[in-house]
PDB file of N, CA and C in Angstrom:
ATOM      1  N   MET A   1     151.848  70.608 178.914  1.00  0.00           N
ATOM      2  CA  MET A   1     153.001  71.533 178.494  1.00  0.00           C
ATOM      3  C   MET A   1     152.918  72.902 179.181  1.00  0.00           C
ATOM      4  N   ASN A   2     154.011  73.294 179.760  1.00  0.00           N
ATOM      5  CA  ASN A   2     153.926  74.628 180.429  1.00  0.00           C
ATOM      6  C   ASN A   2     154.174  75.762 179.398  1.00  0.00           C
ATOM      7  N   ALA A   3     153.858  76.954 179.942  1.00  0.00           N
ATOM      8  CA  ALA A   3     154.025  78.110 178.975  1.00  0.00           C
ATOM      9  C   ALA A   3     155.360  78.339 178.382  1.00  0.00           C
ATOM     10  N   ALA A   4     156.420  78.147 179.124  1.00  0.00           N
ATOM     11  CA  ALA A   4     157.800  78.392 178.679  1.00  0.00           C
ATOM     12  C   ALA A   4     158.081  77.307 177.454  1.00  0.00           C
ATOM     13  N   LEU A   5     157.667  75.994 177.619  1.00  0.00           N
ATOM     14  CA  LEU A   5     157.822  75.089 176.549  1.00  0.00           C
ATOM     15  C   LEU A   5     156.897  75.467 175.324  1.00  0.00           C
ATOM     16  N   SER A   6     155.740  75.993 175.651  1.00  0.00           N
ATOM     17  CA  SER A   6     154.830  76.276 174.471  1.00  0.00           C
ATOM     18  C   SER A   6     155.433  77.441 173.754  1.00  0.00           C
ATOM     19  N   ALA A   7     155.923  78.471 174.544  1.00  0.00           N
ATOM     20  CA  ALA A   7     156.526  79.565 173.792  1.00  0.00           C
ATOM     21  C   ALA A   7     157.680  79.090 172.926  1.00  0.00           C
ATOM     22  N   ASP A   8     158.502  78.322 173.515  1.00  0.00           N
ATOM     23  CA  ASP A   8     159.803  77.900 172.845  1.00  0.00           C
ATOM     24  C   ASP A   8     159.324  77.091 171.542  1.00  0.00           C
ATOM     25  N   LEU A   9     158.249  76.258 171.599  1.00  0.00           N
ATOM     26  CA  LEU A   9     157.806  75.546 170.375  1.00  0.00           C
ATOM     27  C   LEU A   9     157.320  76.539 169.343  1.00  0.00           C
ATOM     28  N   LEU A  10     156.528  77.550 169.823  1.00  0.00           N
ATOM     29  CA  LEU A  10     156.021  78.570 168.891  1.00  0.00           C
ATOM     30  C   LEU A  10     157.208  79.267 168.234  1.00  0.00           C
ATOM     31  N   GLU A  11     158.143  79.694 169.015  1.00  0.00           N
ATOM     32  CA  GLU A  11     159.315  80.394 168.439  1.00  0.00           C
ATOM     33  C   GLU A  11     160.131  79.536 167.447  1.00  0.00           C
ATOM     34  N   ARG A  12     160.115  78.270 167.700  1.00  0.00           N
ATOM     35  CA  ARG A  12     160.870  77.436 166.742  1.00  0.00           C
ATOM     36  C   ARG A  12     160.084  77.043 165.482  1.00  0.00           C
ATOM     37  N   THR A  13     158.844  77.299 165.450  1.00  0.00           N
ATOM     38  CA  THR A  13     157.994  77.010 164.261  1.00  0.00           C
ATOM     39  C   THR A  13     157.516  78.255 163.635  1.00  0.00           C
ATOM     40  N   HIS A  14     157.708  79.343 164.116  1.00  0.00           N
ATOM     41  CA  HIS A  14     157.122  80.646 163.497  1.00  0.00           C
ATOM     42  C   HIS A  14     158.170  81.592 163.489  1.00  0.00           C
ATOM     43  N   ASP A  15     158.189  82.467 162.526  1.00  0.00           N
ATOM     44  CA  ASP A  15     159.178  83.788 162.469  1.00  0.00           C
ATOM     45  C   ASP A  15     158.327  84.878 162.903  1.00  0.00           C
ATOM     46  N   PHE A  16     158.442  85.294 164.204  1.00  0.00           N
ATOM     47  CA  PHE A  16     157.632  86.519 164.659  1.00  0.00           C
ATOM     48  C   PHE A  16     158.372  87.831 164.277  1.00  0.00           C
ATOM     49  N   PRO A  17     157.653  88.823 163.958  1.00  0.00           N
ATOM     50  CA  PRO A  17     156.173  88.831 163.944  1.00  0.00           C
ATOM     51  C   PRO A  17     155.696  88.175 162.710  1.00  0.00           C
ATOM     52  N   CYS A  18     154.410  87.700 162.839  1.00  0.00           N
ATOM     53  CA  CYS A  18     153.782  86.914 161.779  1.00  0.00           C
ATOM     54  C   CYS A  18     152.340  86.986 161.889  1.00  0.00           C
ATOM     55  N   THR A  19     151.494  86.720 160.893  1.00  0.00           N
ATOM     56  CA  THR A  19     150.182  86.455 160.992  1.00  0.00           C
ATOM     57  C   THR A  19     149.823  85.005 161.607  1.00  0.00           C
ATOM     58  N   PHE A  20     149.123  84.984 162.483  1.00  0.00           N
ATOM     59  CA  PHE A  20     148.814  83.678 163.184  1.00  0.00           C
ATOM     60  C   PHE A  20     147.438  83.341 163.157  1.00  0.00           C
ATOM     61  N   THR A  21     147.052  82.170 162.725  1.00  0.00           N
ATOM     62  CA  THR A  21     145.476  81.727 162.508  1.00  0.00           C
ATOM     63  C   THR A  21     145.061  81.100 163.858  1.00  0.00           C
ATOM     64  N   PHE A  22     143.962  81.569 164.310  1.00  0.00           N
ATOM     65  CA  PHE A  22     143.270  81.018 165.452  1.00  0.00           C
ATOM     66  C   PHE A  22     141.857  80.545 164.871  1.00  0.00           C
ATOM     67  N   LYS A  23     141.485  79.351 165.199  1.00  0.00           N
ATOM     68  CA  LYS A  23     140.205  78.823 164.815  1.00  0.00           C
ATOM     69  C   LYS A  23     139.546  78.573 166.096  1.00  0.00           C
ATOM     70  N   VAL A  24     138.224  79.138 166.173  1.00  0.00           N
ATOM     71  CA  VAL A  24     137.467  78.980 167.307  1.00  0.00           C
ATOM     72  C   VAL A  24     136.116  78.479 167.083  1.00  0.00           C
ATOM     73  N   ILE A  25     135.705  77.518 167.684  1.00  0.00           N
ATOM     74  CA  ILE A  25     134.425  76.959 167.380  1.00  0.00           C
ATOM     75  C   ILE A  25     133.544  77.127 168.745  1.00  0.00           C
ATOM     76  N   GLY A  26     132.288  77.485 168.617  1.00  0.00           N
ATOM     77  CA  GLY A  26     131.489  77.697 169.741  1.00  0.00           C
ATOM     78  C   GLY A  26     129.978  77.581 169.312  1.00  0.00           C
ATOM     79  N   LYS A  27     129.158  77.842 170.399  1.00  0.00           N
ATOM     80  CA  LYS A  27     127.669  77.763 170.134  1.00  0.00           C
ATOM     81  C   LYS A  27     127.171  78.929 169.522  1.00  0.00           C
ATOM     82  N   VAL A  28     126.211  78.871 168.612  1.00  0.00           N
ATOM     83  CA  VAL A  28     125.613  79.933 167.833  1.00  0.00           C
ATOM     84  C   VAL A  28     124.626  80.588 168.873  1.00  0.00           C
ATOM     85  N   ASP A  29     125.000  81.520 169.792  1.00  0.00           N
ATOM     86  CA  ASP A  29     124.269  82.263 170.639  1.00  0.00           C
ATOM     87  C   ASP A  29     124.860  83.541 171.247  1.00  0.00           C
ATOM     88  N   ASN A  30     124.111  84.464 171.513  1.00  0.00           N
ATOM     89  CA  ASN A  30     124.576  85.695 172.201  1.00  0.00           C
ATOM     90  C   ASN A  30     125.858  86.335 171.659  1.00  0.00           C
ATOM     91  N   GLY A  31     125.972  86.393 170.236  1.00  0.00           N
ATOM     92  CA  GLY A  31     127.130  86.945 169.695  1.00  0.00           C
ATOM     93  C   GLY A  31     128.479  86.325 169.943  1.00  0.00           C
ATOM     94  N   PHE A  32     128.500  85.159 169.773  1.00  0.00           N
ATOM     95  CA  PHE A  32     129.709  84.422 169.932  1.00  0.00           C
ATOM     96  C   PHE A  32     130.905  85.006 169.177  1.00  0.00           C
ATOM     97  N   SER A  33     130.643  85.041 167.930  1.00  0.00           N
ATOM     98  CA  SER A  33     131.780  85.634 167.032  1.00  0.00           C
ATOM     99  C   SER A  33     132.241  86.999 167.481  1.00  0.00           C
ATOM    100  N   ALA A  34     131.349  87.794 167.879  1.00  0.00           N
ATOM    101  CA  ALA A  34     131.678  89.206 168.404  1.00  0.00           C
ATOM    102  C   ALA A  34     132.545  89.071 169.659  1.00  0.00           C
ATOM    103  N   ARG A  35     132.239  88.061 170.508  1.00  0.00           N
ATOM    104  CA  ARG A  35     132.969  88.013 171.802  1.00  0.00           C
ATOM    105  C   ARG A  35     134.422  87.348 171.379  1.00  0.00           C
ATOM    106  N   VAL A  36     134.417  86.568 170.422  1.00  0.00           N
ATOM    107  CA  VAL A  36     135.808  86.061 169.981  1.00  0.00           C
ATOM    108  C   VAL A  36     136.730  87.140 169.447  1.00  0.00           C
ATOM    109  N   ILE A  37     136.247  88.020 168.582  1.00  0.00           N
ATOM    110  CA  ILE A  37     136.944  89.048 168.035  1.00  0.00           C
ATOM    111  C   ILE A  37     137.335  90.048 169.135  1.00  0.00           C
ATOM    112  N   ALA A  38     136.451  90.407 170.036  1.00  0.00           N
ATOM    113  CA  ALA A  38     136.704  91.318 171.234  1.00  0.00           C
ATOM    114  C   ALA A  38     137.828  90.771 172.093  1.00  0.00           C
ATOM    115  N   ALA A  39     137.721  89.468 172.283  1.00  0.00           N
ATOM    116  CA  ALA A  39     138.684  88.791 173.229  1.00  0.00           C
ATOM    117  C   ALA A  39     140.135  88.835 172.577  1.00  0.00           C
ATOM    118  N   ILE A  40     140.244  88.596 171.315  1.00  0.00           N
ATOM    119  CA  ILE A  40     141.433  88.778 170.719  1.00  0.00           C
ATOM    120  C   ILE A  40     142.090  90.196 170.553  1.00  0.00           C
ATOM    121  N   ARG A  41     141.164  91.069 170.415  1.00  0.00           N
ATOM    122  CA  ARG A  41     141.630  92.498 170.380  1.00  0.00           C
ATOM    123  C   ARG A  41     141.995  92.869 171.743  1.00  0.00           C
ATOM    124  N   GLU A  42     141.327  92.470 172.761  1.00  0.00           N
ATOM    125  CA  GLU A  42     141.693  92.820 174.089  1.00  0.00           C
ATOM    126  C   GLU A  42     143.182  92.172 174.522  1.00  0.00           C
ATOM    127  N   ALA A  43     143.351  90.882 174.119  1.00  0.00           N
ATOM    128  CA  ALA A  43     144.581  90.166 174.395  1.00  0.00           C
ATOM    129  C   ALA A  43     145.789  90.821 173.710  1.00  0.00           C
ATOM    130  N   LEU A  44     145.587  91.304 172.605  1.00  0.00           N
ATOM    131  CA  LEU A  44     146.675  91.996 171.766  1.00  0.00           C
ATOM    132  C   LEU A  44     146.623  93.515 171.873  1.00  0.00           C
ATOM    133  N   HIS A  45     145.744  94.032 172.707  1.00  0.00           N
ATOM    134  CA  HIS A  45     145.676  95.497 172.881  1.00  0.00           C
ATOM    135  C   HIS A  45     145.560  96.140 171.536  1.00  0.00           C
ATOM    136  N   ALA A  46     144.681  95.625 170.568  1.00  0.00           N
ATOM    137  CA  ALA A  46     144.509  96.061 169.272  1.00  0.00           C
ATOM    138  C   ALA A  46     143.432  97.121 169.173  1.00  0.00           C
ATOM    139  N   GLU A  47     143.659  98.157 168.295  1.00  0.00           N
ATOM    140  CA  GLU A  47     142.627  99.167 168.140  1.00  0.00           C
ATOM    141  C   GLU A  47     141.533  98.819 167.269  1.00  0.00           C
ATOM    142  N   ALA A  48     141.882  97.928 166.301  1.00  0.00           N
ATOM    143  CA  ALA A  48     140.863  97.528 165.275  1.00  0.00           C
ATOM    144  C   ALA A  48     140.694  96.009 165.218  1.00  0.00           C
ATOM    145  N   ASP A  49     139.657  95.572 164.609  1.00  0.00           N
ATOM    146  CA  ASP A  49     139.373  94.220 164.452  1.00  0.00           C
ATOM    147  C   ASP A  49     140.452  93.503 163.475  1.00  0.00           C
ATOM    148  N   PRO A  50     140.907  92.372 163.823  1.00  0.00           N
ATOM    149  CA  PRO A  50     141.884  91.612 162.921  1.00  0.00           C
ATOM    150  C   PRO A  50     141.070  91.105 161.792  1.00  0.00           C
ATOM    151  N   PRO A  51     141.674  90.647 160.705  1.00  0.00           N
ATOM    152  CA  PRO A  51     140.946  89.918 159.663  1.00  0.00           C
ATOM    153  C   PRO A  51     140.361  88.674 160.289  1.00  0.00           C
ATOM    154  N   PHE A  52     139.013  88.374 159.789  1.00  0.00           N
ATOM    155  CA  PHE A  52     138.410  87.192 160.320  1.00  0.00           C
ATOM    156  C   PHE A  52     137.392  86.667 159.387  1.00  0.00           C
ATOM    157  N   ARG A  53     136.994  85.419 159.507  1.00  0.00           N
ATOM    158  CA  ARG A  53     135.871  84.769 158.776  1.00  0.00           C
ATOM    159  C   ARG A  53     134.977  84.121 159.759  1.00  0.00           C
ATOM    160  N   VAL A  54     133.616  84.022 159.357  1.00  0.00           N
ATOM    161  CA  VAL A  54     132.752  83.275 160.148  1.00  0.00           C
ATOM    162  C   VAL A  54     131.918  82.354 159.256  1.00  0.00           C
ATOM    163  N   ARG A  55     131.776  81.073 159.838  1.00  0.00           N
ATOM    164  CA  ARG A  55     131.067  80.126 159.079  1.00  0.00           C
ATOM    165  C   ARG A  55     130.220  79.276 160.057  1.00  0.00           C
ATOM    166  N   GLU A  56     128.915  79.155 159.708  1.00  0.00           N
ATOM    167  CA  GLU A  56     128.062  78.461 160.436  1.00  0.00           C
ATOM    168  C   GLU A  56     127.970  77.043 160.015  1.00  0.00           C
ATOM    169  N   ALA A  57     127.922  76.187 161.054  1.00  0.00           N
ATOM    170  CA  ALA A  57     127.996  74.702 160.885  1.00  0.00           C
ATOM    171  C   ALA A  57     126.593  74.368 160.114  1.00  0.00           C
ATOM    172  N   ALA A  58     126.502  73.223 159.383  1.00  0.00           N
ATOM    173  CA  ALA A  58     125.448  72.786 158.702  1.00  0.00           C
ATOM    174  C   ALA A  58     124.245  72.672 159.451  1.00  0.00           C
ATOM    175  N   GLY A  59     124.293  72.060 160.782  1.00  0.00           N
ATOM    176  CA  GLY A  59     123.227  71.877 161.613  1.00  0.00           C
ATOM    177  C   GLY A  59     122.706  73.233 162.339  1.00  0.00           C
ATOM    178  N   GLY A  60     123.505  74.261 162.219  1.00  0.00           N
ATOM    179  CA  GLY A  60     123.090  75.602 162.718  1.00  0.00           C
ATOM    180  C   GLY A  60     123.344  75.741 164.208  1.00  0.00           C
ATOM    181  N   ARG A  61     123.884  74.790 164.874  1.00  0.00           N
ATOM    182  CA  ARG A  61     124.148  74.836 166.372  1.00  0.00           C
ATOM    183  C   ARG A  61     125.450  75.503 166.644  1.00  0.00           C
ATOM    184  N   HIS A  62     126.384  75.349 165.801  1.00  0.00           N
ATOM    185  CA  HIS A  62     127.822  75.794 166.182  1.00  0.00           C
ATOM    186  C   HIS A  62     128.376  76.793 165.053  1.00  0.00           C
ATOM    187  N   ILE A  63     129.185  77.646 165.372  1.00  0.00           N
ATOM    188  CA  ILE A  63     129.778  78.555 164.480  1.00  0.00           C
ATOM    189  C   ILE A  63     131.280  78.531 164.638  1.00  0.00           C
ATOM    190  N   SER A  64     131.955  78.731 163.451  1.00  0.00           N
ATOM    191  CA  SER A  64     133.506  78.603 163.387  1.00  0.00           C
ATOM    192  C   SER A  64     133.918  80.028 163.075  1.00  0.00           C
ATOM    193  N   VAL A  65     134.948  80.524 163.887  1.00  0.00           N
ATOM    194  CA  VAL A  65     135.487  81.966 163.711  1.00  0.00           C
ATOM    195  C   VAL A  65     136.932  81.738 163.412  1.00  0.00           C
ATOM    196  N   THR A  66     137.375  82.129 162.247  1.00  0.00           N
ATOM    197  CA  THR A  66     138.829  82.016 161.916  1.00  0.00           C
ATOM    198  C   THR A  66     139.368  83.472 162.007  1.00  0.00           C
ATOM    199  N   VAL A  67     140.387  83.783 162.804  1.00  0.00           N
ATOM    200  CA  VAL A  67     140.870  85.110 163.067  1.00  0.00           C
ATOM    201  C   VAL A  67     142.380  85.021 162.720  1.00  0.00           C
ATOM    202  N   GLU A  68     142.743  85.937 162.014  1.00  0.00           N
ATOM    203  CA  GLU A  68     144.293  86.040 161.556  1.00  0.00           C
ATOM    204  C   GLU A  68     144.921  87.299 161.927  1.00  0.00           C
ATOM    205  N   PRO A  69     145.241  87.548 163.132  1.00  0.00           N
ATOM    206  CA  PRO A  69     145.845  88.862 163.530  1.00  0.00           C
ATOM    207  C   PRO A  69     147.449  88.813 163.275  1.00  0.00           C
ATOM    208  N   LEU A  70     147.901  89.966 163.301  1.00  0.00           N
ATOM    209  CA  LEU A  70     149.364  89.933 163.319  1.00  0.00           C
ATOM    210  C   LEU A  70     149.895  89.948 164.699  1.00  0.00           C
ATOM    211  N   VAL A  71     150.572  88.955 165.013  1.00  0.00           N
ATOM    212  CA  VAL A  71     151.221  89.000 166.440  1.00  0.00           C
ATOM    213  C   VAL A  71     152.702  89.187 166.466  1.00  0.00           C
ATOM    214  N   GLN A  72     153.199  89.700 167.536  1.00  0.00           N
ATOM    215  CA  GLN A  72     154.594  90.174 167.586  1.00  0.00           C
ATOM    216  C   GLN A  72     155.479  89.184 168.151  1.00  0.00           C
ATOM    217  N   THR A  73     154.891  88.225 169.233  1.00  0.00           N
ATOM    218  CA  THR A  73     155.564  87.293 169.910  1.00  0.00           C
ATOM    219  C   THR A  73     154.835  86.079 170.179  1.00  0.00           C
ATOM    220  N   ALA A  74     155.622  85.082 170.575  1.00  0.00           N
ATOM    221  CA  ALA A  74     154.961  83.723 170.993  1.00  0.00           C
ATOM    222  C   ALA A  74     154.102  84.032 172.259  1.00  0.00           C
ATOM    223  N   GLU A  75     154.539  84.963 173.127  1.00  0.00           N
ATOM    224  CA  GLU A  75     153.828  85.269 174.347  1.00  0.00           C
ATOM    225  C   GLU A  75     152.555  85.785 174.026  1.00  0.00           C
ATOM    226  N   GLN A  76     152.327  86.577 172.954  1.00  0.00           N
ATOM    227  CA  GLN A  76     151.010  87.180 172.467  1.00  0.00           C
ATOM    228  C   GLN A  76     150.168  86.129 171.993  1.00  0.00           C
ATOM    229  N   VAL A  77     150.673  85.080 171.319  1.00  0.00           N
ATOM    230  CA  VAL A  77     149.840  83.911 170.864  1.00  0.00           C
ATOM    231  C   VAL A  77     149.356  83.245 172.192  1.00  0.00           C
ATOM    232  N   LEU A  78     150.146  82.964 173.096  1.00  0.00           N
ATOM    233  CA  LEU A  78     149.645  82.354 174.444  1.00  0.00           C
ATOM    234  C   LEU A  78     148.605  83.157 175.076  1.00  0.00           C
ATOM    235  N   ALA A  79     148.918  84.504 175.067  1.00  0.00           N
ATOM    236  CA  ALA A  79     147.910  85.438 175.793  1.00  0.00           C
ATOM    237  C   ALA A  79     146.459  85.171 175.109  1.00  0.00           C
ATOM    238  N   VAL A  80     146.471  85.248 173.855  1.00  0.00           N
ATOM    239  CA  VAL A  80     145.217  85.075 173.031  1.00  0.00           C
ATOM    240  C   VAL A  80     144.566  83.789 173.428  1.00  0.00           C
ATOM    241  N   TYR A  81     145.374  82.686 173.421  1.00  0.00           N
ATOM    242  CA  TYR A  81     144.630  81.361 173.804  1.00  0.00           C
ATOM    243  C   TYR A  81     144.147  81.441 175.203  1.00  0.00           C
ATOM    244  N   ARG A  82     144.835  82.104 176.197  1.00  0.00           N
ATOM    245  CA  ARG A  82     144.329  82.149 177.523  1.00  0.00           C
ATOM    246  C   ARG A  82     143.025  82.977 177.543  1.00  0.00           C
ATOM    247  N   ARG A  83     142.975  83.943 176.798  1.00  0.00           N
ATOM    248  CA  ARG A  83     141.767  84.833 176.801  1.00  0.00           C
ATOM    249  C   ARG A  83     140.621  84.175 176.156  1.00  0.00           C
ATOM    250  N   ILE A  84     140.854  83.424 175.026  1.00  0.00           N
ATOM    251  CA  ILE A  84     139.824  82.840 174.305  1.00  0.00           C
ATOM    252  C   ILE A  84     139.181  81.769 175.238  1.00  0.00           C
ATOM    253  N   ALA A  85     140.020  81.144 176.070  1.00  0.00           N
ATOM    254  CA  ALA A  85     139.413  79.964 176.928  1.00  0.00           C
ATOM    255  C   ALA A  85     138.431  80.436 177.856  1.00  0.00           C
ATOM    256  N   LEU A  86     138.325  81.828 178.145  1.00  0.00           N
ATOM    257  CA  LEU A  86     137.282  82.313 178.972  1.00  0.00           C
ATOM    258  C   LEU A  86     135.873  82.594 178.357  1.00  0.00           C
ATOM    259  N   ILE A  87     135.838  82.464 177.003  1.00  0.00           N
ATOM    260  CA  ILE A  87     134.725  82.885 176.409  1.00  0.00           C
ATOM    261  C   ILE A  87     133.476  81.814 176.634  1.00  0.00           C
ATOM    262  N   ALA A  88     132.343  82.390 177.085  1.00  0.00           N
ATOM    263  CA  ALA A  88     131.146  81.475 177.162  1.00  0.00           C
ATOM    264  C   ALA A  88     130.801  80.918 175.832  1.00  0.00           C
ATOM    265  N   GLY A  89     130.375  79.640 175.865  1.00  0.00           N
ATOM    266  CA  GLY A  89     129.981  78.924 174.711  1.00  0.00           C
ATOM    267  C   GLY A  89     131.038  78.329 173.845  1.00  0.00           C
ATOM    268  N   LEU A  90     132.334  78.381 174.251  1.00  0.00           N
ATOM    269  CA  LEU A  90     133.398  77.873 173.473  1.00  0.00           C
ATOM    270  C   LEU A  90     133.248  76.388 173.590  1.00  0.00           C
ATOM    271  N   VAL A  91     133.537  75.801 172.274  1.00  0.00           N
ATOM    272  CA  VAL A  91     133.532  74.414 172.256  1.00  0.00           C
ATOM    273  C   VAL A  91     135.017  73.884 171.935  1.00  0.00           C
ATOM    274  N   LEU A  92     135.705  74.521 171.027  1.00  0.00           N
ATOM    275  CA  LEU A  92     137.023  74.107 170.660  1.00  0.00           C
ATOM    276  C   LEU A  92     137.760  75.270 170.069  1.00  0.00           C
ATOM    277  N   VAL A  93     139.089  75.297 170.405  1.00  0.00           N
ATOM    278  CA  VAL A  93     139.905  76.295 169.827  1.00  0.00           C
ATOM    279  C   VAL A  93     141.232  75.637 169.398  1.00  0.00           C
ATOM    280  N   PHE A  94     141.744  76.029 168.195  1.00  0.00           N
ATOM    281  CA  PHE A  94     142.975  75.431 167.663  1.00  0.00           C
ATOM    282  C   PHE A  94     143.636  76.449 166.771  1.00  0.00           C
TER     283      PHE A  94
END
C-alpha cells in the first residue's frame, strides 16, 4: 500500500487531530524504550514526551512500548511509522 492510500485510510478511520496509539516491540537492550520515545518526539517535532507505557515480556528478552501522542494529520502518523522503522532492535510495530 502506498503512502497516499495509507493516508486516505487513516483519514477515513480517524478524526484528526486525535490521540493515536503506537505499539512498538523490541529487544531489551541499550535503552530501546527511550529510543522509541525520542523517535516519536522527533517525527512529531514535539517538545515533551507523549504519554507512554512500558511493559517487559515474561521471558525478559523483549519490551513493549505503547505511546499515545496527539497527532494532527494522517501524514504525521505515517512519519512516525517511518521513523520508528529505523530504530535498532525493533521487532514489531503496530
